[in-house]
Each structure stands twice: as C-alpha cells, then as structure tokens.
PDB file of N, CA and C in Angstrom:
ATOM      1  N   MET A   1       0.842  -1.183   0.000  1.00  0.00           N
ATOM      2  CA  MET A   1       0.000   0.000   0.000  1.00  0.00           C
ATOM      3  C   MET A   1       0.887   1.245   0.000  1.00  0.00           C
ATOM      4  N   LYS A   2       0.632   2.149  -0.936  1.00  0.00           N
ATOM      5  CA  LYS A   2       1.423   3.371  -1.045  1.00  0.00           C
ATOM      6  C   LYS A   2       0.955   4.399  -0.023  1.00  0.00           C
ATOM      7  N   PRO A   3       1.901   5.112   0.564  1.00  0.00           N
ATOM      8  CA  PRO A   3       1.483   6.194   1.473  1.00  0.00           C
ATOM      9  C   PRO A   3       0.862   7.336   0.674  1.00  0.00           C
ATOM     10  N   THR A   4      -0.153   7.926   1.218  1.00  0.00           N
ATOM     11  CA  THR A   4      -0.807   9.033   0.522  1.00  0.00           C
ATOM     12  C   THR A   4      -0.007  10.310   0.728  1.00  0.00           C
ATOM     13  N   LYS A   5       0.058  11.115  -0.306  1.00  0.00           N
ATOM     14  CA  LYS A   5       0.781  12.385  -0.226  1.00  0.00           C
ATOM     15  C   LYS A   5      -0.203  13.484   0.158  1.00  0.00           C
ATOM     16  N   LYS A   6       0.191  14.267   1.131  1.00  0.00           N
ATOM     17  CA  LYS A   6      -0.641  15.396   1.514  1.00  0.00           C
ATOM     18  C   LYS A   6      -0.316  16.569   0.614  1.00  0.00           C
ATOM     19  N   LYS A   7      -1.340  17.248   0.210  1.00  0.00           N
ATOM     20  CA  LYS A   7      -1.145  18.452  -0.582  1.00  0.00           C
ATOM     21  C   LYS A   7      -0.750  19.580   0.371  1.00  0.00           C
ATOM     22  N   ILE A   8       0.428  20.114   0.146  1.00  0.00           N
ATOM     23  CA  ILE A   8       0.921  21.167   1.020  1.00  0.00           C
ATOM     24  C   ILE A   8       0.374  22.506   0.542  1.00  0.00           C
ATOM     25  N   GLU A   9      -0.334  23.182   1.422  1.00  0.00           N
ATOM     26  CA  GLU A   9      -0.889  24.485   1.095  1.00  0.00           C
ATOM     27  C   GLU A   9       0.105  25.575   1.466  1.00  0.00           C
ATOM     28  N   LYS A  10       0.111  26.625   0.679  1.00  0.00           N
ATOM     29  CA  LYS A  10       0.992  27.745   0.962  1.00  0.00           C
ATOM     30  C   LYS A  10       0.415  28.558   2.114  1.00  0.00           C
ATOM     31  N   SER A  11       1.303  29.016   2.961  1.00  0.00           N
ATOM     32  CA  SER A  11       0.847  29.848   4.060  1.00  0.00           C
ATOM     33  C   SER A  11       0.474  31.230   3.534  1.00  0.00           C
ATOM     34  N   THR A  12      -0.254  31.956   4.303  1.00  0.00           N
ATOM     35  CA  THR A  12      -0.660  33.302   3.921  1.00  0.00           C
ATOM     36  C   THR A  12       0.549  34.197   3.716  1.00  0.00           C
ATOM     37  N   ILE A  13       1.530  34.081   4.590  1.00  0.00           N
ATOM     38  CA  ILE A  13       2.739  34.890   4.471  1.00  0.00           C
ATOM     39  C   ILE A  13       3.473  34.573   3.179  1.00  0.00           C
ATOM     40  N   GLN A  14       3.561  33.308   2.842  1.00  0.00           N
ATOM     41  CA  GLN A  14       4.233  32.903   1.605  1.00  0.00           C
ATOM     42  C   GLN A  14       3.496  33.451   0.384  1.00  0.00           C
ATOM     43  N   GLN A  15       2.167  33.417   0.400  1.00  0.00           N
ATOM     44  CA  GLN A  15       1.384  33.950  -0.707  1.00  0.00           C
ATOM     45  C   GLN A  15       1.587  35.457  -0.835  1.00  0.00           C
ATOM     46  N   LEU A  16       1.591  36.170   0.298  1.00  0.00           N
ATOM     47  CA  LEU A  16       1.791  37.620   0.264  1.00  0.00           C
ATOM     48  C   LEU A  16       3.169  37.979  -0.272  1.00  0.00           C
ATOM     49  N   ARG A  17       4.185  37.215   0.100  1.00  0.00           N
ATOM     50  CA  ARG A  17       5.537  37.457  -0.406  1.00  0.00           C
ATOM     51  C   ARG A  17       5.613  37.254  -1.908  1.00  0.00           C
ATOM     52  N   GLU A  18       4.940  36.223  -2.420  1.00  0.00           N
ATOM     53  CA  GLU A  18       4.925  35.975  -3.862  1.00  0.00           C
ATOM     54  C   GLU A  18       4.237  37.115  -4.607  1.00  0.00           C
ATOM     55  N   ILE A  19       3.126  37.601  -4.063  1.00  0.00           N
ATOM     56  CA  ILE A  19       2.406  38.722  -4.673  1.00  0.00           C
ATOM     57  C   ILE A  19       3.281  39.964  -4.660  1.00  0.00           C
ATOM     58  N   ARG A  20       3.924  40.242  -3.517  1.00  0.00           N
ATOM     59  CA  ARG A  20       4.810  41.405  -3.389  1.00  0.00           C
ATOM     60  C   ARG A  20       5.949  41.335  -4.400  1.00  0.00           C
ATOM     61  N   ASP A  21       6.555  40.157  -4.554  1.00  0.00           N
ATOM     62  CA  ASP A  21       7.664  39.994  -5.488  1.00  0.00           C
ATOM     63  C   ASP A  21       7.202  40.191  -6.934  1.00  0.00           C
ATOM     64  N   LYS A  22       6.016  39.688  -7.269  1.00  0.00           N
ATOM     65  CA  LYS A  22       5.473  39.836  -8.619  1.00  0.00           C
ATOM     66  C   LYS A  22       5.225  41.316  -8.935  1.00  0.00           C
ATOM     67  N   ILE A  23       4.608  42.029  -8.001  1.00  0.00           N
ATOM     68  CA  ILE A  23       4.341  43.454  -8.195  1.00  0.00           C
ATOM     69  C   ILE A  23       5.652  44.220  -8.295  1.00  0.00           C
ATOM     70  N   GLY A  24       6.621  43.858  -7.467  1.00  0.00           N
ATOM     71  CA  GLY A  24       7.924  44.513  -7.499  1.00  0.00           C
ATOM     72  C   GLY A  24       8.588  44.390  -8.856  1.00  0.00           C
ATOM     73  N   LEU A  25       8.496  43.223  -9.470  1.00  0.00           N
ATOM     74  CA  LEU A  25       9.070  43.029 -10.802  1.00  0.00           C
ATOM     75  C   LEU A  25       8.329  43.850 -11.864  1.00  0.00           C
ATOM     76  N   GLU A  26       7.011  43.958 -11.711  1.00  0.00           N
ATOM     77  CA  GLU A  26       6.215  44.709 -12.684  1.00  0.00           C
ATOM     78  C   GLU A  26       6.512  46.203 -12.629  1.00  0.00           C
ATOM     79  N   ILE A  27       6.804  46.745 -11.457  1.00  0.00           N
ATOM     80  CA  ILE A  27       6.931  48.197 -11.318  1.00  0.00           C
ATOM     81  C   ILE A  27       8.371  48.684 -11.170  1.00  0.00           C
ATOM     82  N   GLN A  28       9.346  47.801 -11.239  1.00  0.00           N
ATOM     83  CA  GLN A  28      10.716  48.178 -10.912  1.00  0.00           C
ATOM     84  C   GLN A  28      11.301  49.269 -11.805  1.00  0.00           C
ATOM     85  N   ASP A  29      10.936  49.347 -13.046  1.00  0.00           N
ATOM     86  CA  ASP A  29      11.519  50.346 -13.946  1.00  0.00           C
ATOM     87  C   ASP A  29      10.548  51.465 -14.310  1.00  0.00           C
ATOM     88  N   MET A  30       9.474  51.615 -13.553  1.00  0.00           N
ATOM     89  CA  MET A  30       8.469  52.625 -13.870  1.00  0.00           C
ATOM     90  C   MET A  30       8.852  53.987 -13.293  1.00  0.00           C
ATOM     91  N   THR A  31       8.436  55.021 -14.008  1.00  0.00           N
ATOM     92  CA  THR A  31       8.581  56.369 -13.481  1.00  0.00           C
ATOM     93  C   THR A  31       7.433  56.622 -12.503  1.00  0.00           C
ATOM     94  N   PHE A  32       7.495  57.746 -11.819  1.00  0.00           N
ATOM     95  CA  PHE A  32       6.442  58.072 -10.854  1.00  0.00           C
ATOM     96  C   PHE A  32       5.089  58.184 -11.548  1.00  0.00           C
ATOM     97  N   GLU A  33       5.064  58.818 -12.721  1.00  0.00           N
ATOM     98  CA  GLU A  33       3.796  58.973 -13.453  1.00  0.00           C
ATOM     99  C   GLU A  33       3.254  57.609 -13.891  1.00  0.00           C
ATOM    100  N   GLN A  34       4.122  56.722 -14.374  1.00  0.00           N
ATOM    101  CA  GLN A  34       3.692  55.390 -14.773  1.00  0.00           C
ATOM    102  C   GLN A  34       3.172  54.611 -13.573  1.00  0.00           C
ATOM    103  N   LEU A  35       3.822  54.794 -12.434  1.00  0.00           N
ATOM    104  CA  LEU A  35       3.405  54.115 -11.218  1.00  0.00           C
ATOM    105  C   LEU A  35       2.018  54.574 -10.772  1.00  0.00           C
ATOM    106  N   LYS A  36       1.734  55.875 -10.880  1.00  0.00           N
ATOM    107  CA  LYS A  36       0.409  56.384 -10.528  1.00  0.00           C
ATOM    108  C   LYS A  36      -0.662  55.760 -11.411  1.00  0.00           C
ATOM    109  N   ILE A  37      -0.386  55.637 -12.711  1.00  0.00           N
ATOM    110  CA  ILE A  37      -1.342  55.034 -13.645  1.00  0.00           C
ATOM    111  C   ILE A  37      -1.539  53.555 -13.308  1.00  0.00           C
ATOM    112  N   TYR A  38      -0.455  52.855 -13.026  1.00  0.00           N
ATOM    113  CA  TYR A  38      -0.499  51.435 -12.666  1.00  0.00           C
ATOM    114  C   TYR A  38      -1.399  51.220 -11.447  1.00  0.00           C
ATOM    115  N   ILE A  39      -1.191  52.020 -10.424  1.00  0.00           N
ATOM    116  CA  ILE A  39      -1.984  51.883  -9.193  1.00  0.00           C
ATOM    117  C   ILE A  39      -3.453  52.206  -9.460  1.00  0.00           C
ATOM    118  N   LYS A  40      -3.703  53.256 -10.212  1.00  0.00           N
ATOM    119  CA  LYS A  40      -5.088  53.638 -10.514  1.00  0.00           C
ATOM    120  C   LYS A  40      -5.808  52.529 -11.280  1.00  0.00           C
ATOM    121  N   GLU A  41      -5.119  51.901 -12.243  1.00  0.00           N
ATOM    122  CA  GLU A  41      -5.717  50.808 -13.002  1.00  0.00           C
ATOM    123  C   GLU A  41      -6.010  49.604 -12.113  1.00  0.00           C
ATOM    124  N   ARG A  42      -5.106  49.290 -11.211  1.00  0.00           N
ATOM    125  CA  ARG A  42      -5.291  48.136 -10.330  1.00  0.00           C
ATOM    126  C   ARG A  42      -6.425  48.364  -9.343  1.00  0.00           C
ATOM    127  N   LEU A  43      -6.581  49.578  -8.870  1.00  0.00           N
ATOM    128  CA  LEU A  43      -7.647  49.862  -7.912  1.00  0.00           C
ATOM    129  C   LEU A  43      -9.016  49.753  -8.557  1.00  0.00           C
ATOM    130  N   THR A  44      -9.120  50.120  -9.823  1.00  0.00           N
ATOM    131  CA  THR A  44     -10.412  50.023 -10.496  1.00  0.00           C
ATOM    132  C   THR A  44     -10.760  48.576 -10.825  1.00  0.00           C
ATOM    133  N   GLN A  45      -9.772  47.689 -10.844  1.00  0.00           N
ATOM    134  CA  GLN A  45     -10.043  46.278 -11.086  1.00  0.00           C
ATOM    135  C   GLN A  45     -10.599  45.600  -9.842  1.00  0.00           C
ATOM    136  N   HIS A  46     -10.377  46.195  -8.675  1.00  0.00           N
ATOM    137  CA  HIS A  46     -10.829  45.624  -7.415  1.00  0.00           C
ATOM    138  C   HIS A  46     -11.686  46.646  -6.664  1.00  0.00           C
ATOM    139  N   PRO A  47     -12.938  46.819  -7.079  1.00  0.00           N
ATOM    140  CA  PRO A  47     -13.766  47.848  -6.456  1.00  0.00           C
ATOM    141  C   PRO A  47     -14.053  47.596  -4.987  1.00  0.00           C
ATOM    142  N   THR A  48     -13.931  46.359  -4.527  1.00  0.00           N
ATOM    143  CA  THR A  48     -14.174  46.102  -3.110  1.00  0.00           C
ATOM    144  C   THR A  48     -13.037  46.611  -2.237  1.00  0.00           C
ATOM    145  N   LEU A  49     -11.853  46.790  -2.838  1.00  0.00           N
ATOM    146  CA  LEU A  49     -10.709  47.270  -2.076  1.00  0.00           C
ATOM    147  C   LEU A  49     -10.664  48.787  -2.005  1.00  0.00           C
ATOM    148  N   TYR A  50     -11.279  49.428  -2.959  1.00  0.00           N
ATOM    149  CA  TYR A  50     -11.209  50.887  -3.022  1.00  0.00           C
ATOM    150  C   TYR A  50     -12.556  51.414  -3.455  1.00  0.00           C
ATOM    151  N   LYS A  51     -13.178  52.179  -2.620  1.00  0.00           N
ATOM    152  CA  LYS A  51     -14.488  52.739  -2.962  1.00  0.00           C
ATOM    153  C   LYS A  51     -14.313  54.206  -3.317  1.00  0.00           C
ATOM    154  N   ARG A  52     -14.758  54.538  -4.521  1.00  0.00           N
ATOM    155  CA  ARG A  52     -14.684  55.922  -4.967  1.00  0.00           C
ATOM    156  C   ARG A  52     -15.892  56.702  -4.474  1.00  0.00           C
ATOM    157  N   ASN A  53     -15.707  57.974  -4.332  1.00  0.00           N
ATOM    158  CA  ASN A  53     -16.832  58.826  -3.983  1.00  0.00           C
ATOM    159  C   ASN A  53     -17.751  58.955  -5.184  1.00  0.00           C
ATOM    160  N   ALA A  54     -19.021  58.983  -4.959  1.00  0.00           N
ATOM    161  CA  ALA A  54     -20.006  59.045  -6.034  1.00  0.00           C
ATOM    162  C   ALA A  54     -20.263  60.477  -6.503  1.00  0.00           C
ATOM    163  N   ASP A  55     -19.420  61.421  -6.119  1.00  0.00           N
ATOM    164  CA  ASP A  55     -19.626  62.828  -6.497  1.00  0.00           C
ATOM    165  C   ASP A  55     -19.557  63.011  -7.974  1.00  0.00           C
TER     166      ASP A  55
END
C-alpha cells in the first residue's frame, strides 16, 4: 500500500511574499507617473478594495 501524499498548502505569508515579489518586478523600472497610472488601473479592477466617492 502506497502512502498518501498530503497536498501542502501555501501559508498566507508565503502567498503575500509571492504577490509582493510579482508586483515589485512589474513596477521596478516605472517612473512616478507610470506608477500612478499602474496603481489607478489596479484599484479600479478591485472595487471592493477601493471605494470611490459618487460625487
């Protein structure tokens, strides 16, 4: 009988580090203006994270 392999789940900290590293690679050569556009685009993709004023 073969031993069963447990699926190892990534910890929350490990997932956050991977996300941070990915974002770091994407923005490493951006100017300040490009960075502002990048952040604005990302915030509009996740409306639950950022709520705009309805003015």
